[in-house]
Amino acid sequence: MAPKSDKKRESNQQNKKATNKCEDPEYLEKVDPILMKNIRELTAGRDNLRIFVPMCGKTHDMLWLAEQGHAITGAEINPRYIRAFFRDAELEYELRSEQITTKTKANIYEAEGQNITLYQCDIFDLSVEVLSQFDAIWDQSALPVINEIGAERLKDYTSLMQTLLKPDGRHMVEVCKHGANFVDSKMLKSLFGDKSDVRYIGKRIWKYDPQDFAEEECEEEEEEKESMGNKKHGEHDSHTHEEHESHGCGEHGHDDDHGKTQMFYHLITFKDEVSATSKRKRKIEEPGMKKSKKTPQRHLPKRKCKK
């Protein structure tokens, strides 16, 4: 979908269609089923949260989360996926650039009609100073991609995620079984375990058509030409690192046989000693429990001295 400045505003009927996109059964089929099933695990039953989607690609999950009333911020290094997201979601966007480091600018895409903001930049150029902290993080298979870069980068990534998460926030991780780069539960506990609790939620089999990926690769050259054209309309050529630009940036790994791969899900929360202490205190003061009573001091009247 083109930027707002490059096309006329859509009719009310078209805008209504875009607003109700997540009511479309075909669209819902593209949203992660484990995320939909466990949304209360991610949000802790809270409304109007700020949710971060790192290395988001063009995932349909962002629109679905926004439709639930949350404010979505995504990060993606490849502008091709960002434009594909807006095209598939039938949303217009406004485009601006912002200095995020002393040497780097990011292109920022802000959706019309939905609370969705996507940063086109390297994930490692972002910081809490740029984004502030989030109530939740939906991490869709970014870990195997980062793991392919190297163990040090994986530590940097997990550290960044913990910095961006509020103390009472929740971080749901989806990990695809991506060959030697697979990040299992033991690795997750090693990476996050010193500050966080890691809980296994479940798994599913993701089925895909390998032909879809082949067709996407054929279209890449055409998309790159479109990207060059968009730069004329103010899209900044953001600084990127080749080390993870070519790995899909939010797309699932697809090197398993017969178009199937396993997806594993975990929930990560900070260890909260203060909360645990408060719970213990409340338990002691629960109704029906015997409380120790202090014996009141008896104040005897002063005796008058006889003369």
Protein backbone atom coordinates (compact mmCIF):
# COMPACT_ATOMS: atom_id res chain seq x y z
CA MET A 1 0.00 0.00 0.00
CA ALA A 2 1.40 3.36 -0.97
CA PRO A 3 1.98 6.21 1.49
CA LYS A 4 -0.91 8.56 2.14
CA SER A 5 0.82 11.42 0.35
CA ASP A 6 1.04 9.41 -2.88
CA LYS A 7 -2.63 8.46 -3.31
CA LYS A 8 -6.15 9.67 -2.65
CA ARG A 9 -7.88 8.72 0.56
CA GLU A 10 -9.86 5.51 0.19
CA SER A 11 -13.65 5.52 0.27
CA ASN A 12 -15.50 4.92 3.57
CA GLN A 13 -16.50 1.48 2.35
CA GLN A 14 -12.89 0.49 1.69
CA ASN A 15 -11.78 1.88 5.05
CA LYS A 16 -14.51 -0.12 6.75
CA LYS A 17 -13.26 -3.24 4.99
CA ALA A 18 -9.72 -2.59 6.24
CA THR A 19 -10.96 -1.93 9.79
CA ASN A 20 -12.78 -5.27 9.86
CA LYS A 21 -9.96 -7.20 8.21
CA CYS A 22 -9.45 -9.46 11.22
CA GLU A 23 -13.06 -10.63 11.01
CA ASP A 24 -12.23 -12.30 7.69
CA PRO A 25 -11.84 -16.10 8.26
CA GLU A 26 -9.22 -16.34 5.50
CA TYR A 27 -7.17 -13.61 7.17
CA LEU A 28 -7.50 -15.24 10.60
CA GLU A 29 -6.06 -18.45 9.16
CA LYS A 30 -2.79 -16.54 8.69
CA VAL A 31 -2.62 -15.41 12.33
CA ASP A 32 -0.59 -17.61 14.66
CA PRO A 33 -3.09 -19.99 16.34
CA ILE A 34 -1.01 -20.40 19.50
CA LEU A 35 -0.88 -16.63 19.91
CA MET A 36 -4.67 -16.38 19.57
CA LYS A 37 -5.22 -19.25 21.99
CA ASN A 38 -2.79 -17.87 24.58
CA ILE A 39 -3.38 -14.14 24.21
CA ARG A 40 -4.24 -13.85 27.92
CA GLU A 41 -0.89 -15.41 28.75
CA LEU A 42 0.82 -12.64 26.79
CA THR A 43 -1.32 -9.80 28.14
CA ALA A 44 -2.08 -11.17 31.63
CA GLY A 45 -5.68 -10.24 30.86
CA ARG A 46 -4.88 -6.53 30.53
CA ASP A 47 -6.17 -4.17 27.85
CA ASN A 48 -4.60 -1.35 25.82
CA LEU A 49 -1.02 -2.60 26.07
CA ARG A 50 2.09 -1.51 24.17
CA ILE A 51 3.37 -4.64 22.39
CA PHE A 52 6.70 -4.93 20.59
CA VAL A 53 7.20 -7.31 17.65
CA PRO A 54 10.94 -7.59 16.88
CA MET A 55 12.05 -8.59 13.38
CA CYS A 56 8.38 -8.60 12.48
CA GLY A 57 8.57 -9.24 8.75
CA LYS A 58 5.06 -8.99 7.29
CA THR A 59 3.33 -11.08 9.95
CA HIS A 60 -0.46 -10.79 10.08
CA ASP A 61 -0.24 -11.12 13.88
CA MET A 62 0.42 -7.38 14.19
CA LEU A 63 -2.94 -6.41 12.71
CA TRP A 64 -4.74 -9.00 14.81
CA LEU A 65 -3.11 -7.69 18.00
CA ALA A 66 -4.00 -4.12 17.02
CA GLU A 67 -7.61 -5.23 16.45
CA GLN A 68 -7.64 -6.43 20.08
CA GLY A 69 -7.03 -2.83 21.13
CA HIS A 70 -3.26 -2.87 21.65
CA ALA A 71 -0.64 -0.43 20.36
CA ILE A 72 1.84 -2.31 18.16
CA THR A 73 5.44 -1.36 17.44
CA GLY A 74 7.41 -3.54 15.03
CA ALA A 75 11.01 -3.54 13.85
CA GLU A 76 12.08 -4.85 10.43
CA ILE A 77 15.25 -4.27 8.46
CA ASN A 78 13.81 -5.10 5.04
CA PRO A 79 11.42 -2.47 3.61
CA ARG A 80 10.01 -5.05 1.20
CA TYR A 81 8.33 -6.90 4.09
CA ILE A 82 7.01 -3.70 5.64
CA ARG A 83 5.32 -2.62 2.42
CA ALA A 84 3.96 -6.15 1.97
CA PHE A 85 2.40 -5.96 5.45
CA PHE A 86 0.56 -2.73 4.66
CA ARG A 87 -0.52 -4.08 1.28
CA ASP A 88 -1.91 -7.32 2.75
CA ALA A 89 -3.59 -5.48 5.64
CA GLU A 90 -5.08 -2.95 3.19
CA LEU A 91 -3.79 -0.07 5.33
CA GLU A 92 -2.37 3.27 4.30
CA TYR A 93 0.62 4.67 6.16
CA GLU A 94 2.50 7.88 6.77
CA LEU A 95 6.26 7.79 6.37
CA ARG A 96 8.89 9.77 8.22
CA SER A 97 12.52 9.35 9.26
CA GLU A 98 14.04 9.71 12.71
CA GLN A 99 17.58 9.72 14.09
CA ILE A 100 17.89 6.66 16.34
CA THR A 101 21.67 6.65 16.86
CA THR A 102 24.37 9.25 16.25
CA LYS A 103 25.02 7.69 12.83
CA THR A 104 21.72 6.03 11.93
CA LYS A 105 18.27 7.10 10.82
CA ALA A 106 15.24 4.83 10.69
CA ASN A 107 12.28 4.98 8.34
CA ILE A 108 9.11 4.96 10.46
CA TYR A 109 5.82 3.76 8.98
CA GLU A 110 2.69 4.79 10.91
CA ALA A 111 -0.55 3.08 9.93
CA GLU A 112 -3.80 4.96 9.36
CA GLY A 113 -6.81 3.55 11.15
CA GLN A 114 -4.78 1.21 13.38
CA ASN A 115 -2.27 1.82 16.18
CA ILE A 116 0.67 0.21 14.34
CA THR A 117 4.13 1.74 13.96
CA LEU A 118 6.94 -0.07 12.13
CA TYR A 119 10.62 0.89 12.31
CA GLN A 120 12.69 0.00 9.27
CA CYS A 121 16.17 -0.43 10.76
CA ASP A 122 18.61 -2.90 12.23
CA ILE A 123 17.20 -4.34 15.45
CA PHE A 124 20.50 -3.62 17.22
CA ASP A 125 20.22 0.10 16.45
CA LEU A 126 17.13 0.33 18.65
CA SER A 127 17.20 1.05 22.36
CA VAL A 128 14.96 1.86 25.30
CA GLU A 129 15.80 5.53 24.76
CA VAL A 130 14.24 5.34 21.29
CA LEU A 131 11.27 3.05 21.98
CA SER A 132 10.65 3.28 25.76
CA GLN A 133 9.50 0.10 27.51
CA PHE A 134 6.72 -2.28 26.50
CA ASP A 135 4.04 -4.19 28.38
CA ALA A 136 4.60 -7.27 26.22
CA ILE A 137 6.82 -8.65 23.47
CA TRP A 138 5.64 -11.09 20.79
CA ASP A 139 8.84 -12.65 19.48
CA GLN A 140 8.06 -14.55 16.29
CA SER A 141 11.04 -16.76 15.40
CA ALA A 142 13.67 -14.04 15.58
CA LEU A 143 15.92 -16.11 17.86
CA PRO A 144 17.05 -18.72 15.27
CA VAL A 145 17.87 -15.91 12.85
CA ILE A 146 19.99 -14.12 15.46
CA ASN A 147 21.56 -17.41 16.53
CA GLU A 148 22.80 -17.94 12.98
CA ILE A 149 24.78 -14.70 13.30
CA GLY A 150 26.56 -15.92 16.43
CA ALA A 151 26.33 -16.58 20.16
CA GLU A 152 27.45 -13.09 21.14
CA ARG A 153 24.77 -11.46 19.01
CA LEU A 154 22.20 -13.79 20.58
CA LYS A 155 23.23 -12.54 24.05
CA ASP A 156 23.01 -8.94 22.83
CA TYR A 157 19.53 -9.60 21.49
CA THR A 158 18.16 -11.19 24.67
CA SER A 159 19.68 -8.38 26.73
CA LEU A 160 17.95 -5.82 24.49
CA MET A 161 14.60 -7.59 24.88
CA GLN A 162 14.91 -7.59 28.67
CA THR A 163 15.76 -3.89 28.62
CA LEU A 164 12.69 -3.10 26.51
CA LEU A 165 10.31 -5.08 28.76
CA LYS A 166 8.62 -3.51 31.78
CA PRO A 167 9.19 -5.22 35.16
CA ASP A 168 5.66 -6.68 35.04
CA GLY A 169 5.82 -7.34 31.30
CA ARG A 170 5.52 -10.66 29.46
CA HIS A 171 7.63 -11.95 26.58
CA MET A 172 6.17 -14.74 24.45
CA VAL A 173 8.70 -16.51 22.24
CA GLU A 174 7.98 -18.63 19.18
CA VAL A 175 10.95 -20.66 17.96
CA CYS A 176 10.93 -22.58 14.70
CA LYS A 177 13.13 -25.65 14.42
CA HIS A 178 15.62 -24.04 12.07
CA GLY A 179 18.36 -26.65 11.65
CA ALA A 180 21.52 -26.09 13.71
CA ASN A 181 20.26 -22.62 14.72
CA PHE A 182 17.36 -24.02 16.72
CA VAL A 183 17.07 -22.38 20.16
CA ASP A 184 15.62 -24.98 22.53
CA SER A 185 14.19 -24.51 26.03
CA LYS A 186 17.55 -25.24 27.67
CA MET A 187 19.18 -22.44 25.68
CA LEU A 188 16.31 -20.08 26.50
CA LYS A 189 16.72 -20.72 30.22
CA SER A 190 20.46 -20.17 29.88
CA LEU A 191 19.92 -16.87 28.04
CA PHE A 192 17.07 -15.48 30.15
CA GLY A 193 17.15 -17.57 33.31
CA ASP A 194 19.31 -15.38 35.54
CA LYS A 195 16.66 -12.63 35.54
CA SER A 196 13.57 -14.40 34.25
CA ASP A 197 11.37 -17.46 34.50
CA VAL A 198 10.93 -19.44 31.27
CA ARG A 199 7.75 -21.51 30.93
CA TYR A 200 6.93 -23.88 28.07
CA ILE A 201 3.49 -23.24 26.54
CA GLY A 202 3.22 -25.73 23.68
CA LYS A 203 4.08 -26.53 20.08
CA ARG A 204 2.48 -26.91 16.67
CA ILE A 205 3.35 -28.07 13.19
CA TRP A 206 3.54 -25.25 10.68
CA LYS A 207 2.70 -26.31 7.12
CA TYR A 208 3.77 -24.14 4.23
CA ASP A 209 4.06 -24.31 0.46
CA PRO A 210 7.74 -24.12 -0.61
CA GLN A 211 6.53 -22.71 -3.93
CA ASP A 212 5.35 -19.57 -2.09
CA PHE A 213 8.91 -18.80 -1.04
CA ALA A 214 10.21 -19.41 -4.55
CA GLU A 215 7.66 -16.96 -5.94
CA GLU A 216 8.61 -14.36 -3.31
CA GLU A 217 12.27 -14.60 -4.33
CA CYS A 218 11.31 -14.05 -7.97
CA GLU A 219 9.38 -10.92 -6.97
CA GLU A 220 12.23 -9.49 -4.91
CA GLU A 221 13.88 -7.74 -7.83
CA GLU A 222 10.59 -6.06 -8.73
CA GLU A 223 10.09 -4.98 -5.12
CA GLU A 224 13.58 -3.50 -4.97
CA LYS A 225 12.78 -1.33 -8.00
CA GLU A 226 9.67 -0.13 -6.16
CA SER A 227 11.83 0.60 -3.12
CA MET A 228 14.07 2.87 -5.17
CA GLY A 229 10.99 4.72 -6.36
CA ASN A 230 9.72 5.19 -2.80
CA LYS A 231 12.96 6.86 -1.78
CA LYS A 232 12.00 9.72 -4.07
CA HIS A 233 9.00 10.25 -1.78
CA GLY A 234 11.12 10.67 1.36
CA GLU A 235 11.97 7.11 2.32
CA HIS A 236 15.41 7.21 3.90
CA ASP A 237 17.98 4.57 2.99
CA SER A 238 18.46 3.34 6.53
CA HIS A 239 21.74 1.85 7.64
CA THR A 240 21.54 -1.94 7.57
CA HIS A 241 23.72 -4.87 8.51
CA GLU A 242 24.01 -7.65 5.95
CA GLU A 243 24.49 -10.13 8.77
CA HIS A 244 20.73 -10.68 9.18
CA GLU A 245 19.10 -8.84 6.29
CA SER A 246 19.02 -11.93 4.09
CA HIS A 247 17.49 -14.28 6.64
CA GLY A 248 13.89 -13.20 6.24
CA CYS A 249 13.67 -10.76 9.17
CA GLY A 250 10.59 -12.25 10.73
CA GLU A 251 9.86 -14.92 8.13
CA HIS A 252 9.94 -18.49 9.41
CA GLY A 253 12.73 -20.82 8.49
CA HIS A 254 11.70 -23.18 5.72
CA ASP A 255 14.50 -25.69 5.33
CA ASP A 256 12.60 -28.71 6.69
CA ASP A 257 11.39 -31.45 4.35
CA HIS A 258 7.91 -31.68 2.81
CA GLY A 259 6.87 -28.13 3.73
CA LYS A 260 6.59 -28.73 7.48
CA THR A 261 8.45 -27.41 10.48
CA GLN A 262 7.91 -27.55 14.24
CA MET A 263 7.16 -24.40 16.21
CA PHE A 264 7.79 -24.21 19.97
CA TYR A 265 6.37 -21.57 22.33
CA HIS A 266 7.58 -20.26 25.70
CA LEU A 267 6.51 -17.45 28.04
CA ILE A 268 9.22 -15.40 29.72
CA THR A 269 8.56 -13.21 32.76
CA PHE A 270 10.88 -11.40 35.14
CA LYS A 271 11.55 -12.95 38.53
CA ASP A 272 9.78 -10.58 40.89
CA GLU A 273 10.98 -10.99 44.46
CA VAL A 274 9.02 -7.93 45.60
CA SER A 275 5.79 -9.44 44.33
CA ALA A 276 6.57 -12.76 46.01
CA THR A 277 7.18 -10.97 49.30
CA SER A 278 3.87 -9.11 48.96
CA LYS A 279 2.05 -12.38 48.31
CA ARG A 280 3.57 -13.94 51.43
CA LYS A 281 2.51 -10.90 53.45
CA ARG A 282 -1.04 -11.06 52.11
CA LYS A 283 -1.20 -14.77 52.92
CA ILE A 284 -0.38 -14.10 56.57
CA GLU A 285 -3.11 -11.47 56.77
CA GLU A 286 -5.81 -13.54 55.07
CA PRO A 287 -9.26 -13.53 56.81
CA GLY A 288 -9.88 -16.50 59.08
CA MET A 289 -6.24 -16.84 60.06
CA LYS A 290 -5.37 -16.32 63.71
CA LYS A 291 -3.46 -13.15 64.36
CA SER A 292 -1.25 -12.73 67.35
CA LYS A 293 -2.81 -10.32 69.81
CA LYS A 294 -0.71 -8.05 71.88
CA THR A 295 -1.66 -7.94 75.55
CA PRO A 296 -2.81 -4.43 76.29
CA GLN A 297 -0.83 -2.65 78.95
CA ARG A 298 -2.77 -1.93 82.11
CA HIS A 299 -2.36 1.57 83.41
CA LEU A 300 -2.96 1.55 87.17
CA PRO A 301 -3.91 4.75 88.93
CA LYS A 302 -1.07 6.41 90.72
CA ARG A 303 -1.15 6.00 94.48
CA LYS A 304 -0.95 9.02 96.64
CA CYS A 305 1.79 8.92 99.17
CA LYS A 306 0.64 9.22 102.78
CA LYS A 307 2.19 12.01 104.74
